[in-house]
Amino acid sequence: MLEVLLALTATTGLFALAKGMKSNQRYQANPAFVAAGRDERGDDLPCPWCYGPTQEHDKRCPGCGRSFG
């Protein structure tokens, strides 16, 4: 009897989930949140200490002066 009750509850739950899901929904991305491949300013990753902009060839951070690597 317990198995029948469990199976009935599981089946009802599956039908409720299937009915609650809507099909053919399209996801529209908000262009304000889409990241560009490269920033136009030309800077690379920020400094890990002061988060200032850095260039690829920098040996030290131009903002805080700490050396990289």
Protein backbone atom coordinates (compact mmCIF):
# COMPACT_ATOMS: atom_id res chain seq x y z
CA MET A 1 0.00 0.00 0.00
CA LEU A 2 2.86 2.34 0.81
CA GLU A 3 4.47 1.66 -2.57
CA VAL A 4 1.25 2.56 -4.39
CA LEU A 5 0.93 5.80 -2.45
CA LEU A 6 4.56 6.68 -3.17
CA ALA A 7 4.17 5.94 -6.89
CA LEU A 8 0.97 7.98 -7.06
CA THR A 9 2.63 10.94 -5.32
CA ALA A 10 5.66 10.79 -7.60
CA THR A 11 3.50 10.60 -10.72
CA THR A 12 1.37 13.53 -9.59
CA GLY A 13 4.49 15.56 -8.91
CA LEU A 14 5.89 14.80 -12.36
CA PHE A 15 2.64 15.86 -14.03
CA ALA A 16 2.59 19.08 -12.01
CA LEU A 17 6.17 19.85 -13.05
CA ALA A 18 5.46 19.10 -16.69
CA LYS A 19 2.38 21.32 -16.69
CA GLY A 20 4.24 24.15 -14.99
CA MET A 21 6.98 24.19 -17.63
CA LYS A 22 6.21 26.37 -20.61
CA SER A 23 7.50 25.28 -23.98
CA ASN A 24 8.86 27.38 -26.85
CA GLN A 25 10.16 30.17 -24.66
CA ARG A 26 13.01 32.10 -26.18
CA TYR A 27 15.68 33.60 -24.00
CA GLN A 28 16.45 37.18 -24.94
CA ALA A 29 19.79 38.43 -23.66
CA ASN A 30 19.93 41.98 -22.37
CA PRO A 31 22.65 43.74 -24.41
CA ALA A 32 23.59 45.83 -21.38
CA PHE A 33 24.91 42.70 -19.65
CA VAL A 34 26.75 41.13 -22.60
CA ALA A 35 30.52 41.29 -22.19
CA ALA A 36 32.58 42.43 -25.16
CA GLY A 37 35.48 40.30 -26.32
CA ARG A 38 38.00 43.08 -25.70
CA ASP A 39 37.74 46.46 -24.09
CA GLU A 40 38.37 49.38 -26.44
CA ARG A 41 40.67 51.14 -23.97
CA GLY A 42 43.40 48.62 -24.66
CA ASP A 43 44.11 47.73 -21.05
CA ASP A 44 44.52 44.15 -19.91
CA LEU A 45 43.68 42.62 -16.57
CA PRO A 46 43.58 44.99 -13.62
CA CYS A 47 46.26 45.00 -10.95
CA PRO A 48 45.47 42.29 -8.38
CA TRP A 49 46.31 44.65 -5.51
CA CYS A 50 44.85 48.06 -6.43
CA TYR A 51 42.66 47.02 -9.42
CA GLY A 52 44.19 49.75 -11.57
CA PRO A 53 44.42 49.29 -15.36
CA THR A 54 47.59 47.65 -16.64
CA GLN A 55 49.17 46.92 -20.00
CA GLU A 56 50.60 43.61 -21.21
CA HIS A 57 54.19 44.88 -21.18
CA ASP A 58 54.05 46.38 -17.65
CA LYS A 59 56.54 44.92 -15.18
CA ARG A 60 55.06 46.97 -12.34
CA CYS A 61 51.63 48.39 -11.70
CA PRO A 62 51.47 52.03 -12.81
CA GLY A 63 49.05 52.75 -9.95
CA CYS A 64 50.58 51.17 -6.86
CA GLY A 65 54.07 50.25 -8.10
CA ARG A 66 54.02 46.60 -7.06
CA SER A 67 55.82 44.26 -9.40
CA PHE A 68 54.11 41.45 -11.32
CA GLY A 69 55.27 37.87 -11.29
